[in-house]
Amino acid sequence: MTVVETETPAATRVWRPKQVLVTRSAAERPHGREIVARAEAAGVPRIELLPGDRLPSLRGATERETYANAKSTLAVVVAPPSKLRLQPIPPSADWRFDLAEGCPAHCQYCYLAGSLGGPPVTRAYANLDEVLAGLDAEVGRGSVTTGSAARDHEGTTFEASCYTDPLGIERLTGSLSAAVRHFGTHDWAGPTQLRFTTKYDDVAPLLDLPHGGRTRVRLSVNAAPVSRRFEGGTASVPNRLAALRRLALAGYPVGLTIAPIMPVDDWRTHYGELLAAAADAVRDVPGLDLTTELITHRFTPRSKEVLLGWYPHTQLEMDEDARRQKRGKFGAAKHVYPAPVMAELRGWFERELAAVLPQARVLYWT
């Protein structure tokens, strides 16, 4: 019999920044004013309405101080036209769109480290109406789920968590609830699906929304040694799995994003415990619609440099000599696990998922 490692669920994780900075243009938008009202209700210590549209410098005396300043700040801004142009986002979805940019969590392997310029401040977009209005033109178009024999039933898919964790900031922004409601009630030209993944568990605002089954919520989970050591400022994995169950019982399609998979010491035992806990979380859920996405750890030279500035004492393994180099579609180098390690990990996960979570569809491995 498998012995499952358990934790006592902690209180729901809700982020409250130390300050909210609101640009002039954002303050003129209805959604921008709503975010200000939410911040006031949440008791944010400092809310500043800026005289213009430039954010003040958040740089401190050291890289670590700059990081701390940025991570405790929510900026409310207007997304520029470049941010309103949708981009393909394989293998997750047909299109990526952004409700915000930046994340309040402190994950030491942060995927945004090499992607975003400047201090890692979280920016929420006040022109939400424009962001959502721009989605209609892409319905029926795409190359990931649209026209795919395996995933065409999902419709045209729109990923909202590429550059943020939208649930982590939802109590302050309300943007995610608005997007879920929009997908559930809008008169679309064809089948559509909103997708997002999160490491937070504050799902109460979503449970009674008219989602219409058009939003798939994926909980990002990991083995205990990884989540405890490298995922600061997030909800515990037991709390995330409890949130997964609540969402599934509310009729949402749900998913597990197991990422980033790492071959830590005794990894089979730890990931086996994770899969057993996930199976317990969805046990007896009527009409369960569950997927899994499997993503191994990788890093770039740029992300390694940034992460070591943010977390100079990290124990995260980023040894180029222990990895193989893989080139992205634009020629950028990524350091991934050697082929034998990848094959061993993939084979184990495919076998264990089939045995422990047979109701879960595996969407991709990367």
Protein backbone atom coordinates (compact mmCIF):
# COMPACT_ATOMS: atom_id res chain seq x y z
CA MET A 1 0.00 0.00 0.00
CA THR A 2 1.29 3.49 -0.88
CA VAL A 3 1.83 5.81 2.04
CA VAL A 4 0.92 9.33 0.95
CA GLU A 5 2.86 12.22 2.48
CA THR A 6 0.36 14.77 3.77
CA GLU A 7 0.43 18.35 5.01
CA THR A 8 -2.09 20.22 7.09
CA PRO A 9 -3.83 22.62 4.68
CA ALA A 10 -2.91 26.23 5.41
CA ALA A 11 -5.17 29.23 5.20
CA THR A 12 -6.16 30.45 1.74
CA ARG A 13 -3.29 32.42 0.22
CA VAL A 14 -4.29 35.98 -0.73
CA TRP A 15 -1.72 38.52 -1.91
CA ARG A 16 -1.75 42.05 -0.50
CA PRO A 17 0.97 44.28 -1.96
CA LYS A 18 2.56 47.09 0.01
CA GLN A 19 1.66 49.61 -2.66
CA VAL A 20 -0.53 50.08 -5.72
CA LEU A 21 0.61 52.55 -8.39
CA VAL A 22 -2.04 53.73 -10.85
CA THR A 23 -1.14 55.56 -14.03
CA ARG A 24 -3.26 58.51 -15.12
CA SER A 25 -4.68 56.67 -18.15
CA ALA A 26 -5.52 53.62 -16.04
CA ALA A 27 -7.36 55.75 -13.48
CA GLU A 28 -9.56 57.06 -16.30
CA ARG A 29 -10.77 53.55 -17.18
CA PRO A 30 -13.74 51.98 -15.35
CA HIS A 31 -11.81 48.79 -14.69
CA GLY A 32 -8.86 50.78 -13.40
CA ARG A 33 -11.13 52.53 -10.92
CA GLU A 34 -12.55 49.15 -9.88
CA ILE A 35 -9.05 47.88 -9.11
CA VAL A 36 -8.40 50.98 -6.97
CA ALA A 37 -11.63 50.31 -5.05
CA ARG A 38 -10.63 46.68 -4.51
CA ALA A 39 -7.20 47.73 -3.27
CA GLU A 40 -8.78 50.16 -0.83
CA ALA A 41 -11.15 47.45 0.43
CA ALA A 42 -8.20 45.06 0.84
CA GLY A 43 -6.39 47.57 3.05
CA VAL A 44 -3.37 48.11 0.81
CA PRO A 45 -1.18 50.53 2.82
CA ARG A 46 -0.31 52.85 -0.06
CA ILE A 47 -2.30 53.67 -3.20
CA GLU A 48 -0.81 56.34 -5.44
CA LEU A 49 -2.54 57.92 -8.44
CA LEU A 50 0.33 58.98 -10.68
CA PRO A 51 0.28 62.29 -12.58
CA GLY A 52 1.28 60.60 -15.84
CA ASP A 53 1.67 57.20 -17.46
CA ARG A 54 5.24 56.42 -16.45
CA LEU A 55 5.90 54.26 -13.41
CA PRO A 56 8.48 55.54 -10.90
CA SER A 57 11.73 53.67 -10.55
CA LEU A 58 11.59 50.76 -8.16
CA ARG A 59 15.31 50.15 -8.21
CA GLY A 60 17.04 49.78 -4.87
CA ALA A 61 20.65 49.77 -3.83
CA THR A 62 20.99 46.06 -4.71
CA GLU A 63 19.39 43.61 -7.11
CA ARG A 64 17.75 41.89 -4.15
CA GLU A 65 16.27 45.19 -2.88
CA THR A 66 14.96 46.00 -6.35
CA TYR A 67 13.35 42.58 -6.50
CA ALA A 68 11.69 43.10 -3.10
CA ASN A 69 10.36 46.53 -4.10
CA ALA A 70 8.91 45.20 -7.34
CA LYS A 71 7.40 42.06 -5.85
CA SER A 72 5.49 44.10 -3.27
CA THR A 73 4.02 46.45 -5.90
CA LEU A 74 0.93 46.23 -8.10
CA ALA A 75 0.94 48.68 -11.00
CA VAL A 76 -2.34 49.44 -12.76
CA VAL A 77 -1.61 50.44 -16.34
CA VAL A 78 -3.17 50.50 -19.81
CA ALA A 79 -1.93 47.70 -22.05
CA PRO A 80 -0.34 49.21 -25.18
CA PRO A 81 -1.47 48.09 -28.67
CA SER A 82 1.45 45.64 -28.89
CA LYS A 83 0.07 43.76 -25.87
CA LEU A 84 -3.35 43.46 -27.51
CA ARG A 85 -2.01 41.46 -30.47
CA LEU A 86 -2.57 37.77 -29.81
CA GLN A 87 0.33 35.34 -30.12
CA PRO A 88 0.31 31.54 -30.67
CA ILE A 89 1.29 29.67 -27.51
CA PRO A 90 2.03 26.00 -28.33
CA PRO A 91 1.72 23.43 -26.88
CA SER A 92 -0.84 24.93 -24.47
CA ALA A 93 -3.33 26.83 -26.60
CA ASP A 94 -4.08 28.47 -29.91
CA TRP A 95 -3.60 32.00 -28.59
CA ARG A 96 -2.12 33.88 -25.67
CA PHE A 97 -3.75 36.97 -24.24
CA ASP A 98 -2.78 38.88 -21.12
CA LEU A 99 -4.88 40.21 -18.24
CA ALA A 100 -1.69 41.24 -16.48
CA GLU A 101 2.07 40.85 -16.63
CA GLY A 102 4.13 39.69 -13.67
CA CYS A 103 3.37 37.47 -10.70
CA PRO A 104 3.35 37.89 -6.91
CA ALA A 105 4.85 34.45 -6.22
CA HIS A 106 8.52 33.79 -5.40
CA CYS A 107 9.29 30.66 -7.41
CA GLN A 108 13.05 30.20 -7.63
CA TYR A 109 12.75 28.67 -11.12
CA CYS A 110 10.45 31.50 -12.33
CA TYR A 111 9.64 31.16 -16.03
CA LEU A 112 9.32 34.93 -16.37
CA ALA A 113 12.90 35.63 -15.26
CA GLY A 114 14.31 35.68 -18.77
CA SER A 115 11.22 37.06 -20.50
CA LEU A 116 10.32 40.33 -18.79
CA GLY A 117 12.55 43.38 -18.78
CA GLY A 118 13.23 45.48 -15.70
CA PRO A 119 12.17 44.87 -12.10
CA PRO A 120 9.51 42.13 -11.77
CA VAL A 121 6.58 44.40 -10.84
CA THR A 122 3.10 42.99 -11.47
CA ARG A 123 1.17 45.11 -13.97
CA ALA A 124 -2.62 44.71 -14.20
CA TYR A 125 -4.31 46.03 -17.32
CA ALA A 126 -7.06 48.60 -16.87
CA ASN A 127 -8.31 48.38 -20.48
CA LEU A 128 -9.83 44.97 -19.90
CA ASP A 129 -12.69 45.71 -22.30
CA GLU A 130 -10.24 46.12 -25.16
CA VAL A 131 -8.32 42.98 -24.18
CA LEU A 132 -11.48 40.83 -24.27
CA ALA A 133 -12.94 42.50 -27.37
CA GLY A 134 -9.85 41.52 -29.35
CA LEU A 135 -10.48 37.79 -28.96
CA ASP A 136 -13.41 37.42 -31.37
CA ALA A 137 -11.31 37.88 -34.49
CA GLU A 138 -9.29 34.72 -33.75
CA VAL A 139 -12.19 32.31 -33.11
CA GLY A 140 -11.88 29.42 -35.54
CA ARG A 141 -8.22 30.15 -36.16
CA GLY A 142 -5.15 28.59 -34.59
CA SER A 143 -2.82 25.62 -34.89
CA VAL A 144 -2.78 23.95 -31.45
CA THR A 145 -6.33 22.89 -30.64
CA THR A 146 -8.20 24.28 -33.64
CA GLY A 147 -8.22 21.60 -36.33
CA SER A 148 -6.38 19.10 -34.11
CA ALA A 149 -7.77 15.58 -34.19
CA ALA A 150 -6.93 15.12 -30.51
CA ARG A 151 -8.01 18.50 -29.16
CA ASP A 152 -10.42 20.10 -31.64
CA HIS A 153 -13.29 19.48 -29.18
CA GLU A 154 -11.75 22.18 -26.95
CA GLY A 155 -12.54 24.79 -29.58
CA THR A 156 -10.36 27.82 -30.11
CA THR A 157 -8.29 28.05 -26.93
CA PHE A 158 -7.06 31.23 -25.27
CA GLU A 159 -4.32 31.02 -22.60
CA ALA A 160 -4.44 33.74 -19.91
CA SER A 161 -1.56 32.69 -17.64
CA CYS A 162 1.51 32.88 -19.84
CA TYR A 163 2.84 36.06 -18.20
CA THR A 164 1.00 36.08 -14.88
CA ASP A 165 -0.86 33.98 -12.34
CA PRO A 166 -4.30 35.59 -12.74
CA LEU A 167 -5.79 33.93 -9.66
CA GLY A 168 -2.95 35.18 -7.47
CA ILE A 169 -4.01 38.78 -8.09
CA GLU A 170 -7.76 38.23 -8.57
CA ARG A 171 -8.92 39.67 -5.23
CA LEU A 172 -7.33 42.96 -6.25
CA THR A 173 -8.15 43.04 -9.96
CA GLY A 174 -11.38 41.13 -10.63
CA SER A 175 -10.02 40.63 -14.16
CA LEU A 176 -10.12 36.85 -14.10
CA SER A 177 -13.75 36.71 -12.99
CA ALA A 178 -14.64 39.15 -15.77
CA ALA A 179 -12.86 36.94 -18.32
CA VAL A 180 -14.56 33.76 -17.06
CA ARG A 181 -17.95 35.48 -17.22
CA HIS A 182 -17.19 36.79 -20.70
CA PHE A 183 -16.25 33.36 -22.03
CA GLY A 184 -19.28 31.78 -20.40
CA THR A 185 -21.90 34.25 -21.65
CA HIS A 186 -20.53 35.88 -24.82
CA ASP A 187 -22.06 34.98 -28.20
CA TRP A 188 -18.99 33.48 -29.85
CA ALA A 189 -18.71 32.62 -33.54
CA GLY A 190 -17.63 29.09 -32.62
CA PRO A 191 -16.54 26.87 -29.71
CA THR A 192 -14.03 28.58 -27.42
CA GLN A 193 -12.19 27.86 -24.19
CA LEU A 194 -10.40 30.09 -21.69
CA ARG A 195 -7.41 28.41 -20.05
CA PHE A 196 -5.28 29.45 -17.11
CA THR A 197 -3.01 27.78 -14.59
CA THR A 198 -2.35 28.84 -11.01
CA LYS A 199 -0.42 28.05 -7.85
CA TYR A 200 -3.03 29.75 -5.67
CA ASP A 201 -6.15 28.38 -4.01
CA ASP A 202 -8.46 31.38 -3.54
CA VAL A 203 -11.12 30.04 -5.93
CA ALA A 204 -14.19 31.30 -4.03
CA PRO A 205 -14.74 34.25 -6.45
CA LEU A 206 -14.99 31.79 -9.36
CA LEU A 207 -17.32 29.13 -8.01
CA ASP A 208 -20.68 30.78 -8.77
CA LEU A 209 -19.75 32.44 -12.06
CA PRO A 210 -21.68 31.57 -15.25
CA HIS A 211 -18.66 29.82 -16.77
CA GLY A 212 -20.69 27.63 -19.10
CA GLY A 213 -17.98 24.98 -19.09
CA ARG A 214 -15.82 27.24 -21.26
CA THR A 215 -12.98 27.79 -18.78
CA ARG A 216 -10.43 25.12 -17.91
CA VAL A 217 -8.62 25.83 -14.65
CA ARG A 218 -5.34 23.98 -14.17
CA LEU A 219 -3.62 23.81 -10.79
CA SER A 220 0.16 23.82 -11.04
CA VAL A 221 1.47 21.16 -8.67
CA ASN A 222 4.76 19.51 -7.86
CA ALA A 223 6.45 16.94 -5.65
CA ALA A 224 6.81 18.01 -2.02
CA PRO A 225 10.61 18.61 -2.10
CA VAL A 226 10.20 20.95 -5.08
CA SER A 227 7.13 22.86 -3.95
CA ARG A 228 8.36 23.38 -0.38
CA ARG A 229 11.84 24.51 -1.37
CA PHE A 230 11.31 26.51 -4.53
CA GLU A 231 7.71 27.88 -4.58
CA GLY A 232 7.65 30.71 -2.04
CA GLY A 233 4.57 32.84 -1.58
CA THR A 234 2.19 30.29 -3.10
CA ALA A 235 -0.59 28.10 -1.71
CA SER A 236 0.44 24.69 -0.40
CA VAL A 237 -0.03 21.77 -2.78
CA PRO A 238 -2.73 20.22 -0.54
CA ASN A 239 -4.62 23.52 -0.72
CA ARG A 240 -4.22 23.63 -4.50
CA LEU A 241 -5.63 20.12 -4.80
CA ALA A 242 -8.53 21.04 -2.53
CA ALA A 243 -9.18 24.03 -4.81
CA LEU A 244 -9.09 21.71 -7.82
CA ARG A 245 -11.84 19.62 -6.25
CA ARG A 246 -14.00 22.66 -5.48
CA LEU A 247 -13.71 23.86 -9.07
CA ALA A 248 -14.51 20.44 -10.51
CA LEU A 249 -17.59 20.18 -8.28
CA ALA A 250 -18.64 23.61 -9.58
CA GLY A 251 -18.65 22.17 -13.10
CA TYR A 252 -15.38 23.57 -14.38
CA PRO A 253 -13.16 21.50 -16.67
CA VAL A 254 -9.96 21.21 -14.65
CA GLY A 255 -6.38 20.17 -15.08
CA LEU A 256 -3.07 19.41 -13.42
CA THR A 257 0.01 21.19 -14.68
CA ILE A 258 2.83 19.13 -13.21
CA ALA A 259 5.73 21.52 -13.52
CA PRO A 260 8.59 21.87 -13.47
CA ILE A 261 9.32 18.17 -13.17
CA MET A 262 12.73 17.58 -11.59
CA PRO A 263 14.55 14.27 -10.98
CA VAL A 264 15.22 15.07 -7.31
CA ASP A 265 16.38 12.40 -4.89
CA ASP A 266 13.82 9.59 -4.67
CA TRP A 267 11.68 11.39 -7.27
CA ARG A 268 9.53 8.36 -8.06
CA THR A 269 8.31 8.19 -4.46
CA HIS A 270 7.62 11.90 -4.21
CA TYR A 271 5.83 12.21 -7.54
CA GLY A 272 3.96 8.99 -6.77
CA GLU A 273 2.66 10.60 -3.59
CA LEU A 274 1.61 13.66 -5.59
CA LEU A 275 -0.37 11.60 -8.10
CA ALA A 276 -2.03 9.62 -5.30
CA ALA A 277 -3.06 12.86 -3.57
CA ALA A 278 -4.44 14.22 -6.86
CA ALA A 279 -6.45 11.03 -7.38
CA ASP A 280 -7.93 11.44 -3.89
CA ALA A 281 -8.82 15.07 -4.64
CA VAL A 282 -10.96 14.21 -7.68
CA ARG A 283 -12.40 10.98 -6.38
CA ASP A 284 -16.17 10.68 -6.98
CA VAL A 285 -16.48 14.06 -8.75
CA PRO A 286 -19.45 13.65 -11.09
CA GLY A 287 -18.80 14.45 -14.75
CA LEU A 288 -15.10 15.02 -14.12
CA ASP A 289 -13.22 16.56 -17.08
CA LEU A 290 -9.53 16.34 -16.14
CA THR A 291 -6.35 16.90 -18.15
CA THR A 292 -2.65 16.79 -17.33
CA GLU A 293 0.24 18.76 -18.79
CA LEU A 294 3.78 17.61 -18.06
CA ILE A 295 6.63 20.13 -18.20
CA THR A 296 10.24 19.40 -17.24
CA HIS A 297 12.58 22.00 -15.79
CA ARG A 298 14.64 24.06 -18.19
CA PHE A 299 16.48 27.36 -18.10
CA THR A 300 18.26 29.79 -20.41
CA PRO A 301 21.53 31.63 -19.82
CA ARG A 302 19.54 34.83 -19.33
CA SER A 303 17.03 33.33 -16.88
CA LYS A 304 19.87 31.76 -14.86
CA GLU A 305 21.59 35.12 -14.57
CA VAL A 306 18.39 36.84 -13.43
CA LEU A 307 17.39 34.09 -11.00
CA LEU A 308 20.80 34.09 -9.32
CA GLY A 309 20.41 37.84 -8.83
CA TRP A 310 16.99 37.34 -7.24
CA TYR A 311 17.89 34.21 -5.25
CA PRO A 312 21.67 34.20 -4.75
CA HIS A 313 21.53 31.30 -2.28
CA THR A 314 19.18 29.08 -4.27
CA GLN A 315 19.77 25.33 -4.31
CA LEU A 316 18.06 25.03 -7.69
CA GLU A 317 20.15 22.91 -10.04
CA MET A 318 21.18 24.99 -13.09
CA ASP A 319 24.36 23.22 -14.20
CA GLU A 320 24.86 23.60 -17.96
CA ASP A 321 27.31 20.66 -17.95
CA ALA A 322 24.57 18.35 -16.65
CA ARG A 323 22.13 19.40 -19.38
CA ARG A 324 21.79 19.28 -23.12
CA GLN A 325 21.16 22.38 -25.18
CA LYS A 326 17.94 22.77 -27.14
CA ARG A 327 17.20 25.56 -29.58
CA GLY A 328 13.80 27.27 -29.64
CA LYS A 329 11.98 28.34 -32.80
CA PHE A 330 13.77 31.72 -32.71
CA GLY A 331 17.18 30.17 -32.07
CA ALA A 332 17.31 30.82 -28.32
CA ALA A 333 19.21 28.21 -26.32
CA LYS A 334 17.52 26.29 -23.51
CA HIS A 335 19.22 23.88 -21.15
CA VAL A 336 17.08 20.76 -20.73
CA TYR A 337 17.71 17.33 -19.22
CA PRO A 338 19.72 14.79 -21.23
CA ALA A 339 17.69 12.52 -23.50
CA PRO A 340 18.03 9.40 -21.27
CA VAL A 341 16.77 11.33 -18.24
CA MET A 342 13.86 12.76 -20.23
CA ALA A 343 12.93 9.32 -21.53
CA GLU A 344 13.02 7.82 -18.04
CA LEU A 345 10.88 10.61 -16.60
CA ARG A 346 8.37 10.51 -19.42
CA GLY A 347 8.00 6.74 -19.35
CA TRP A 348 7.42 6.72 -15.61
CA PHE A 349 4.81 9.50 -15.70
CA GLU A 350 2.92 7.92 -18.58
CA ARG A 351 2.74 4.58 -16.78
CA GLU A 352 1.82 6.02 -13.40
CA LEU A 353 -0.81 8.40 -14.74
CA ALA A 354 -2.47 5.55 -16.63
CA ALA A 355 -2.56 3.50 -13.41
CA VAL A 356 -3.37 6.18 -10.81
CA LEU A 357 -5.31 8.81 -12.78
CA PRO A 358 -6.72 6.92 -15.78
CA GLN A 359 -9.49 9.50 -16.20
CA ALA A 360 -6.94 12.26 -16.94
CA ARG A 361 -6.08 13.05 -20.58
CA VAL A 362 -2.41 13.87 -21.07
CA LEU A 363 -2.25 16.89 -23.37
CA TYR A 364 1.51 17.08 -23.88
CA TRP A 365 4.97 16.39 -22.51
CA THR A 366 7.76 18.91 -22.90
